[in-house]
């Protein structure tokens, strides 16, 4: 009987340790998800800033490309039907 109770106690202790490991793993993964989400939001906001017309215009000026003074015109093609 004592041997049986000892085995049950060992199983219970092992199960408890396994549950604790899983709890710590879940907490670590939650922290990682929060970190990745904050990086995503930061990257998205940085991209929105880079897509602004003034930023694009400034970067193109550095490369020697300027905005056209003549507005674009629409080209219409008539089909021969």
N, C-alpha and C. Protein backbone atom coordinates (compact mmCIF):
# COMPACT_ATOMS: atom_id res chain seq x y z
N UNK A 1 0.82 -1.19 0.00
CA UNK A 1 0.00 0.00 0.00
C UNK A 1 0.87 1.27 0.00
N UNK A 2 1.95 1.25 0.80
CA UNK A 2 2.84 2.40 0.88
C UNK A 2 3.52 2.63 -0.46
N UNK A 3 3.90 1.55 -1.13
CA UNK A 3 4.53 1.67 -2.44
C UNK A 3 3.55 2.30 -3.44
N UNK A 4 2.31 1.89 -3.42
CA UNK A 4 1.28 2.43 -4.31
C UNK A 4 1.08 3.93 -4.07
N UNK A 5 1.00 4.32 -2.79
CA UNK A 5 0.83 5.73 -2.45
C UNK A 5 2.05 6.55 -2.85
N UNK A 6 3.24 5.95 -2.73
CA UNK A 6 4.46 6.65 -3.14
C UNK A 6 4.46 6.90 -4.64
N UNK A 7 4.04 5.89 -5.42
CA UNK A 7 3.98 6.05 -6.87
C UNK A 7 2.97 7.13 -7.24
N UNK A 8 1.83 7.12 -6.59
CA UNK A 8 0.81 8.16 -6.84
C UNK A 8 1.34 9.55 -6.50
N UNK A 9 2.09 9.66 -5.43
CA UNK A 9 2.67 10.95 -5.03
C UNK A 9 3.69 11.42 -6.06
N UNK A 10 4.51 10.49 -6.56
CA UNK A 10 5.48 10.85 -7.59
C UNK A 10 4.78 11.30 -8.88
N UNK A 11 3.73 10.60 -9.24
CA UNK A 11 2.97 10.99 -10.44
C UNK A 11 2.35 12.37 -10.25
N UNK A 12 1.82 12.63 -9.06
CA UNK A 12 1.21 13.93 -8.77
C UNK A 12 2.26 15.04 -8.82
N UNK A 13 3.45 14.81 -8.28
CA UNK A 13 4.52 15.81 -8.31
C UNK A 13 4.97 16.07 -9.73
N UNK A 14 5.14 15.01 -10.52
CA UNK A 14 5.55 15.17 -11.92
C UNK A 14 4.49 15.95 -12.71
N UNK A 15 3.24 15.66 -12.46
CA UNK A 15 2.16 16.36 -13.13
C UNK A 15 2.15 17.84 -12.76
N UNK A 16 2.40 18.13 -11.50
CA UNK A 16 2.44 19.52 -11.03
C UNK A 16 3.59 20.28 -11.69
N UNK A 17 4.76 19.65 -11.79
CA UNK A 17 5.90 20.29 -12.44
C UNK A 17 5.62 20.54 -13.92
N UNK A 18 4.99 19.57 -14.55
CA UNK A 18 4.64 19.71 -15.97
C UNK A 18 3.67 20.88 -16.17
N UNK A 19 2.69 21.00 -15.31
CA UNK A 19 1.72 22.10 -15.40
C UNK A 19 2.42 23.44 -15.18
N UNK A 20 3.34 23.51 -14.22
CA UNK A 20 4.09 24.75 -13.98
C UNK A 20 4.91 25.15 -15.20
N UNK A 21 5.58 24.15 -15.83
CA UNK A 21 6.35 24.44 -17.03
C UNK A 21 5.45 25.01 -18.13
N UNK A 22 4.28 24.43 -18.28
CA UNK A 22 3.36 24.91 -19.31
C UNK A 22 2.87 26.33 -19.02
N UNK A 23 2.64 26.62 -17.76
CA UNK A 23 2.21 27.97 -17.38
C UNK A 23 3.29 28.99 -17.70
N UNK A 24 4.54 28.64 -17.40
CA UNK A 24 5.66 29.54 -17.70
C UNK A 24 5.83 29.71 -19.21
N UNK A 25 5.65 28.62 -19.96
CA UNK A 25 5.76 28.70 -21.42
C UNK A 25 4.67 29.60 -22.01
N UNK A 26 3.45 29.48 -21.51
CA UNK A 26 2.35 30.33 -21.97
C UNK A 26 2.64 31.79 -21.65
N UNK A 27 3.15 32.08 -20.48
CA UNK A 27 3.48 33.46 -20.12
C UNK A 27 4.58 34.01 -21.02
N UNK A 28 5.59 33.19 -21.32
CA UNK A 28 6.67 33.61 -22.21
C UNK A 28 6.14 33.90 -23.61
N UNK A 29 5.26 33.03 -24.09
CA UNK A 29 4.70 33.23 -25.43
C UNK A 29 3.81 34.47 -25.49
N UNK A 30 3.08 34.75 -24.42
CA UNK A 30 2.26 35.97 -24.38
C UNK A 30 3.14 37.21 -24.45
N UNK A 31 4.25 37.19 -23.72
CA UNK A 31 5.18 38.32 -23.77
C UNK A 31 5.75 38.48 -25.17
N UNK A 32 6.07 37.36 -25.81
CA UNK A 32 6.61 37.42 -27.17
C UNK A 32 5.58 37.97 -28.15
N UNK A 33 4.32 37.57 -27.97
CA UNK A 33 3.26 38.09 -28.84
C UNK A 33 3.10 39.59 -28.64
N UNK A 34 3.14 40.05 -27.40
CA UNK A 34 3.04 41.49 -27.14
C UNK A 34 4.19 42.25 -27.79
N UNK A 35 5.40 41.69 -27.69
CA UNK A 35 6.58 42.33 -28.29
C UNK A 35 6.45 42.39 -29.81
N UNK A 36 6.03 41.29 -30.41
CA UNK A 36 5.88 41.27 -31.87
C UNK A 36 4.77 42.21 -32.34
N UNK A 37 3.70 42.29 -31.57
CA UNK A 37 2.61 43.21 -31.93
C UNK A 37 3.08 44.66 -31.85
N UNK A 38 3.85 44.98 -30.82
CA UNK A 38 4.33 46.36 -30.70
C UNK A 38 5.31 46.68 -31.83
N UNK A 39 6.14 45.69 -32.24
CA UNK A 39 7.03 45.91 -33.38
C UNK A 39 6.24 46.12 -34.67
N UNK A 40 5.16 45.36 -34.82
CA UNK A 40 4.31 45.49 -36.00
C UNK A 40 3.69 46.88 -36.06
N UNK A 41 3.14 47.34 -34.94
CA UNK A 41 2.51 48.66 -34.90
C UNK A 41 3.54 49.75 -35.17
N UNK A 42 4.73 49.60 -34.60
CA UNK A 42 5.79 50.58 -34.83
C UNK A 42 6.21 50.60 -36.30
N UNK A 43 6.35 49.44 -36.89
CA UNK A 43 6.71 49.37 -38.31
C UNK A 43 5.64 49.95 -39.21
N UNK A 44 4.37 49.69 -38.87
CA UNK A 44 3.27 50.22 -39.67
C UNK A 44 3.22 51.73 -39.58
N UNK A 45 3.43 52.28 -38.39
CA UNK A 45 3.39 53.74 -38.26
C UNK A 45 4.59 54.38 -38.97
N UNK A 46 5.75 53.70 -38.93
CA UNK A 46 6.91 54.22 -39.66
C UNK A 46 6.65 54.20 -41.16
N UNK A 47 6.03 53.14 -41.65
CA UNK A 47 5.69 53.06 -43.06
C UNK A 47 4.71 54.15 -43.47
N UNK A 48 3.73 54.42 -42.62
CA UNK A 48 2.77 55.48 -42.92
C UNK A 48 3.49 56.83 -43.02
N UNK A 49 4.48 57.04 -42.16
CA UNK A 49 5.24 58.28 -42.23
C UNK A 49 6.07 58.37 -43.49
N UNK A 50 6.63 57.22 -43.93
CA UNK A 50 7.45 57.23 -45.14
C UNK A 50 6.62 57.40 -46.41
N UNK A 51 5.34 57.07 -46.35
CA UNK A 51 4.48 57.17 -47.52
C UNK A 51 3.93 58.58 -47.73
N UNK A 52 4.17 59.48 -46.79
CA UNK A 52 3.66 60.84 -46.93
C UNK A 52 4.31 61.52 -48.13
N UNK A 53 3.53 62.34 -48.80
CA UNK A 53 4.00 62.99 -50.02
C UNK A 53 5.23 63.86 -49.76
N UNK A 54 5.26 64.56 -48.65
CA UNK A 54 6.39 65.45 -48.38
C UNK A 54 7.68 64.65 -48.18
N UNK A 55 7.58 63.51 -47.50
CA UNK A 55 8.76 62.68 -47.27
C UNK A 55 9.27 62.11 -48.59
N UNK A 56 8.34 61.62 -49.42
CA UNK A 56 8.72 61.07 -50.71
C UNK A 56 9.35 62.17 -51.57
N UNK A 57 8.75 63.35 -51.57
CA UNK A 57 9.26 64.47 -52.35
C UNK A 57 10.68 64.83 -51.91
N UNK A 58 10.91 64.88 -50.61
CA UNK A 58 12.23 65.21 -50.08
C UNK A 58 13.27 64.17 -50.49
N UNK A 59 12.92 62.91 -50.40
CA UNK A 59 13.86 61.85 -50.77
C UNK A 59 14.16 61.87 -52.26
N UNK A 60 13.17 62.19 -53.07
CA UNK A 60 13.39 62.25 -54.51
C UNK A 60 14.27 63.46 -54.87
N UNK A 61 14.11 64.57 -54.14
CA UNK A 61 14.96 65.73 -54.38
C UNK A 61 16.42 65.40 -54.12
N UNK A 62 16.67 64.58 -53.10
CA UNK A 62 18.04 64.16 -52.79
C UNK A 62 18.65 63.38 -53.95
N UNK A 63 17.81 62.67 -54.70
CA UNK A 63 18.29 61.86 -55.83
C UNK A 63 18.24 62.63 -57.15
N UNK A 64 17.76 63.87 -57.11
CA UNK A 64 17.72 64.69 -58.31
C UNK A 64 16.44 64.57 -59.10
N UNK A 65 15.40 64.02 -58.51
CA UNK A 65 14.10 63.88 -59.18
C UNK A 65 13.15 64.89 -58.56
N UNK A 66 12.51 65.70 -59.41
CA UNK A 66 11.62 66.75 -58.91
C UNK A 66 10.19 66.52 -59.39
N UNK A 67 9.25 67.16 -58.71
CA UNK A 67 7.85 67.08 -59.10
C UNK A 67 7.64 67.89 -60.37
N UNK A 68 6.85 67.34 -61.28
CA UNK A 68 6.59 68.01 -62.55
C UNK A 68 5.72 69.24 -62.32
N UNK A 69 6.06 70.31 -63.03
CA UNK A 69 5.27 71.54 -62.95
C UNK A 69 4.02 71.43 -63.82
N UNK A 70 4.08 70.58 -64.83
CA UNK A 70 2.94 70.40 -65.75
C UNK A 70 2.06 69.27 -65.21
N UNK A 71 0.78 69.55 -65.00
CA UNK A 71 -0.08 68.50 -64.48
C UNK A 71 -0.27 67.39 -65.53
N UNK A 72 -0.53 66.17 -65.10
CA UNK A 72 -0.71 65.08 -66.04
C UNK A 72 -2.00 65.26 -66.86
N UNK A 73 -1.97 64.75 -68.09
CA UNK A 73 -3.17 64.82 -68.93
C UNK A 73 -3.65 63.40 -69.18
N UNK A 74 -4.95 63.29 -69.36
CA UNK A 74 -5.55 61.98 -69.58
C UNK A 74 -5.52 61.67 -71.07
N UNK A 75 -5.07 60.50 -71.40
CA UNK A 75 -5.02 60.07 -72.80
C UNK A 75 -6.21 59.18 -73.07
N UNK A 76 -6.99 59.55 -74.09
CA UNK A 76 -8.17 58.75 -74.47
C UNK A 76 -7.89 58.04 -75.77
N UNK A 77 -8.13 56.76 -75.81
CA UNK A 77 -7.93 55.98 -77.01
C UNK A 77 -9.31 55.53 -77.51
N UNK A 78 -9.60 55.89 -78.77
CA UNK A 78 -10.88 55.51 -79.35
C UNK A 78 -10.71 54.19 -80.09
N UNK A 79 -11.62 53.29 -79.86
CA UNK A 79 -11.54 51.99 -80.56
C UNK A 79 -12.14 52.13 -81.95
N UNK A 80 -11.70 51.28 -82.86
CA UNK A 80 -12.15 51.31 -84.25
C UNK A 80 -13.22 50.25 -84.49
N UNK A 81 -14.34 50.36 -83.85
CA UNK A 81 -15.42 49.39 -84.03
C UNK A 81 -16.47 49.88 -84.97
